[in-house]
Amino acid sequence: MTRALIALALAAATAAAAAAPPLTRAQALAALTTADVDARRQAAAWLGDLGTMPDAGALVRALRDDDDVVRALAERSLWRIWSRSGDAEIDALFEQGVAQMQGGDAAAAIRIFTTITEKKPDFAEGWNKRATIYYLVGEYAKSLGDCAEVIKRNPDHFGALAGYGQIYLALDEPERALEYFQRALRVNPNLSSVEAAVAELKRLVIEKRKGVI
């Protein structure tokens, strides 16, 4: 299925989930493993709206579903779950920090995410967002430190694993970058850009070992 068709199917699945009778958490988790693809899509979408961190494992498994729309919904729902701390004050700060990121105010965003990591250190996504900003401003050591905090709290965070890869690329350490990109793909095999990077890095590492480059 093309990206455009997947986007249309995602929108349709999300609308269908909103219009369908409300699911319970147990029903949604059970539906993720049913043979009915529409039920799996509805469940994956529902968990994005109302799921919590204990549901993330089921969505990680759904990243290998036979249906590409279920996989896309599972990935989107994971990001939504990861972005909810369960604390209204922290969630409000998080939204402010994301807005500062999107507005290009790195210093302000760093201050906000630092406050989040201090007030709720177990909230992995606070560390992840600060890691992203540190990477963007070239503070690679600090970004690596925050990535470590993310993985300590959320070992399945494929975004942070891919982030490690990007940092090691910037540090001209292709072998370490390859290691982390491969780890990200083991969690989420649907990361097409990471998959492409792995193929290129494998070629570069082989050539480097042969002394070609």
Protein backbone atom coordinates (compact mmCIF):
# COMPACT_ATOMS: atom_id res chain seq x y z
CA MET A 1 0.00 0.00 0.00
CA THR A 2 1.34 3.43 -0.93
CA ARG A 3 1.87 6.15 1.68
CA ALA A 4 -1.09 8.11 0.35
CA LEU A 5 -3.36 5.10 0.64
CA ILE A 6 -2.02 4.34 4.12
CA ALA A 7 -2.76 7.92 5.17
CA LEU A 8 -6.32 7.60 3.89
CA ALA A 9 -6.74 4.26 5.62
CA LEU A 10 -5.36 5.73 8.85
CA ALA A 11 -7.88 8.54 8.72
CA ALA A 12 -10.70 6.10 8.00
CA ALA A 13 -9.62 3.75 10.79
CA THR A 14 -9.37 6.61 13.28
CA ALA A 15 -12.82 7.90 12.32
CA ALA A 16 -14.27 4.40 12.54
CA ALA A 17 -12.78 3.92 15.99
CA ALA A 18 -14.31 7.20 17.15
CA ALA A 19 -17.72 6.26 15.78
CA ALA A 20 -17.71 2.68 17.07
CA PRO A 21 -19.08 1.70 20.48
CA PRO A 22 -16.52 2.41 23.22
CA LEU A 23 -14.07 -0.38 23.94
CA THR A 24 -12.75 -1.35 27.31
CA ARG A 25 -9.00 -1.68 27.73
CA ALA A 26 -9.33 -5.47 27.89
CA GLN A 27 -11.41 -5.52 24.71
CA ALA A 28 -8.92 -3.35 22.85
CA LEU A 29 -5.96 -5.49 23.87
CA ALA A 30 -7.80 -8.67 22.90
CA ALA A 31 -8.86 -7.18 19.56
CA LEU A 32 -5.23 -6.50 18.64
CA THR A 33 -4.71 -10.24 18.20
CA THR A 34 -7.99 -11.13 16.47
CA ALA A 35 -8.19 -12.26 12.84
CA ASP A 36 -10.52 -9.34 12.04
CA VAL A 37 -8.32 -6.62 10.53
CA ASP A 38 -10.91 -3.88 11.10
CA ALA A 39 -11.07 -4.84 14.77
CA ARG A 40 -7.27 -4.68 15.00
CA ARG A 41 -7.26 -1.25 13.38
CA GLN A 42 -9.94 0.00 15.76
CA ALA A 43 -8.06 -1.34 18.75
CA ALA A 44 -4.76 0.20 17.68
CA ALA A 45 -6.45 3.58 17.19
CA TRP A 46 -8.34 3.33 20.50
CA LEU A 47 -5.16 2.65 22.46
CA GLY A 48 -3.66 5.84 21.06
CA ASP A 49 -6.52 7.80 22.60
CA LEU A 50 -6.88 6.06 25.95
CA GLY A 51 -4.00 3.61 26.37
CA THR A 52 -1.35 3.87 29.06
CA MET A 53 2.24 2.68 29.36
CA PRO A 54 1.25 -0.88 30.40
CA ASP A 55 -0.42 -1.19 26.96
CA ALA A 56 2.72 -0.24 25.06
CA GLY A 57 4.01 -3.81 24.87
CA ALA A 58 0.94 -4.95 22.95
CA LEU A 59 1.38 -2.08 20.50
CA VAL A 60 5.07 -2.91 20.04
CA ARG A 61 4.01 -6.43 19.04
CA ALA A 62 1.46 -4.90 16.67
CA LEU A 63 4.33 -3.22 14.82
CA ARG A 64 4.73 -6.61 13.13
CA ASP A 65 1.08 -7.02 12.17
CA ASP A 66 0.33 -8.36 8.68
CA ASP A 67 -1.69 -5.21 7.93
CA ASP A 68 0.31 -2.07 7.19
CA VAL A 69 -2.45 0.18 8.52
CA VAL A 70 -2.45 -1.64 11.86
CA ARG A 71 1.33 -1.22 11.97
CA ALA A 72 1.08 2.51 11.22
CA LEU A 73 -1.66 2.99 13.80
CA ALA A 74 0.34 1.07 16.39
CA GLU A 75 3.37 3.29 15.80
CA ARG A 76 1.30 6.46 16.04
CA SER A 77 -0.44 5.23 19.17
CA LEU A 78 2.87 4.39 20.82
CA TRP A 79 4.06 7.95 20.34
CA ARG A 80 0.80 9.25 21.80
CA ILE A 81 1.05 6.99 24.85
CA TRP A 82 4.70 7.87 25.36
CA SER A 83 3.79 11.56 25.28
CA ARG A 84 1.34 11.28 28.18
CA SER A 85 2.84 11.43 31.65
CA GLY A 86 -0.37 10.91 33.61
CA ASP A 87 0.18 14.24 35.37
CA ALA A 88 -1.83 17.21 34.08
CA GLU A 89 0.81 19.76 35.09
CA ILE A 90 3.61 17.83 33.39
CA ASP A 91 1.49 17.23 30.28
CA ALA A 92 0.81 20.98 30.01
CA LEU A 93 4.53 21.71 30.32
CA PHE A 94 5.24 19.03 27.73
CA GLU A 95 2.91 20.69 25.23
CA GLN A 96 4.64 24.01 25.85
CA GLY A 97 8.02 22.42 25.26
CA VAL A 98 6.88 20.82 22.02
CA ALA A 99 5.54 24.20 20.87
CA GLN A 100 8.90 25.81 21.68
CA MET A 101 10.66 23.08 19.69
CA GLN A 102 8.40 23.60 16.71
CA GLY A 103 8.91 27.35 16.97
CA GLY A 104 12.68 26.94 16.88
CA ASP A 105 13.34 28.26 20.39
CA ALA A 106 15.81 25.60 21.51
CA ALA A 107 16.90 27.36 24.71
CA ALA A 108 13.34 27.76 25.97
CA ALA A 109 12.48 24.18 25.06
CA ILE A 110 15.54 22.87 26.88
CA ARG A 111 14.52 24.81 30.00
CA ILE A 112 11.00 23.36 29.89
CA PHE A 113 12.11 19.76 29.33
CA THR A 114 14.73 20.14 32.05
CA THR A 115 11.95 21.16 34.42
CA ILE A 116 9.97 18.09 33.33
CA THR A 117 12.90 15.72 33.93
CA GLU A 118 13.40 17.24 37.37
CA LYS A 119 9.74 17.10 38.37
CA LYS A 120 8.91 13.73 36.82
CA PRO A 121 12.14 11.87 36.07
CA ASP A 122 10.33 8.61 35.27
CA PHE A 123 8.61 10.24 32.28
CA ALA A 124 10.88 8.98 29.51
CA GLU A 125 9.55 11.28 26.81
CA GLY A 126 10.72 14.36 28.69
CA TRP A 127 14.28 13.06 28.40
CA ASN A 128 13.72 12.08 24.77
CA LYS A 129 12.56 15.51 23.70
CA ARG A 130 15.51 17.16 25.42
CA ALA A 131 17.84 14.63 23.76
CA THR A 132 16.40 15.66 20.40
CA ILE A 133 17.02 19.34 21.03
CA TYR A 134 20.54 18.73 22.29
CA TYR A 135 21.23 16.80 19.09
CA LEU A 136 19.85 19.60 16.94
CA VAL A 137 22.07 22.20 18.62
CA GLY A 138 25.16 19.98 18.41
CA GLU A 139 25.38 19.07 22.11
CA TYR A 140 26.04 15.42 21.30
CA ALA A 141 27.39 14.30 24.68
CA LYS A 142 24.35 15.70 26.45
CA SER A 143 22.06 14.13 23.86
CA LEU A 144 23.69 10.73 24.39
CA GLY A 145 23.23 11.10 28.14
CA ASP A 146 19.52 11.84 27.73
CA CYS A 147 19.08 8.95 25.27
CA ALA A 148 20.49 6.66 27.96
CA GLU A 149 17.89 7.96 30.41
CA VAL A 150 15.14 7.24 27.88
CA ILE A 151 16.22 3.65 27.25
CA LYS A 152 16.63 3.05 30.98
CA ARG A 153 12.93 3.85 31.40
CA ASN A 154 11.58 2.66 28.05
CA PRO A 155 13.80 0.00 26.40
CA ASP A 156 11.44 -0.22 23.40
CA HIS A 157 11.79 3.46 22.50
CA PHE A 158 12.81 3.04 18.88
CA GLY A 159 12.96 6.81 18.48
CA ALA A 160 15.73 7.12 21.07
CA LEU A 161 17.55 4.11 19.61
CA ALA A 162 17.46 5.72 16.17
CA GLY A 163 18.54 8.96 17.85
CA TYR A 164 21.64 7.21 19.15
CA GLY A 165 22.37 6.21 15.56
CA GLN A 166 22.03 9.79 14.32
CA ILE A 167 24.35 11.07 17.04
CA TYR A 168 27.02 8.48 16.29
CA LEU A 169 26.77 9.34 12.60
CA ALA A 170 27.43 12.97 13.51
CA LEU A 171 30.40 11.82 15.61
CA ASP A 172 31.74 9.84 12.63
CA GLU A 173 31.32 6.49 14.40
CA PRO A 174 29.49 4.48 11.70
CA GLU A 175 29.86 1.10 13.41
CA ARG A 176 28.17 2.32 16.58
CA ALA A 177 25.54 4.11 14.51
CA LEU A 178 24.83 0.85 12.68
CA GLU A 179 24.46 -1.01 15.97
CA TYR A 180 21.80 1.38 17.26
CA PHE A 181 19.93 1.66 13.97
CA GLN A 182 19.69 -2.14 13.91
CA ARG A 183 18.40 -2.12 17.50
CA ALA A 184 15.74 0.41 16.49
CA LEU A 185 14.64 -1.84 13.62
CA ARG A 186 14.43 -4.86 15.90
CA VAL A 187 11.79 -2.97 17.86
CA ASN A 188 10.09 -1.31 14.90
CA PRO A 189 10.84 -2.85 11.48
CA ASN A 190 8.74 -0.19 9.74
CA LEU A 191 11.30 2.63 9.94
CA SER A 192 12.07 2.95 6.25
CA SER A 193 14.63 5.76 6.62
CA VAL A 194 16.47 3.80 9.30
CA GLU A 195 16.39 0.69 7.11
CA ALA A 196 17.96 2.67 4.27
CA ALA A 197 20.62 4.03 6.63
CA VAL A 198 21.45 0.49 7.79
CA ALA A 199 21.95 -0.70 4.22
CA GLU A 200 24.29 2.22 3.47
CA LEU A 201 26.20 1.87 6.74
CA LYS A 202 26.75 -1.84 6.19
CA ARG A 203 28.34 -1.01 2.86
CA LEU A 204 30.52 1.72 4.38
CA VAL A 205 31.63 -0.46 7.30
CA ILE A 206 32.57 -3.32 4.96
CA GLU A 207 34.54 -0.96 2.72
CA LYS A 208 36.23 0.60 5.74
CA ARG A 209 37.31 -2.80 7.03
CA LYS A 210 38.68 -3.69 3.61
CA GLY A 211 40.62 -0.43 3.55
CA VAL A 212 38.74 0.88 0.53
CA ILE A 213 37.81 4.11 2.33
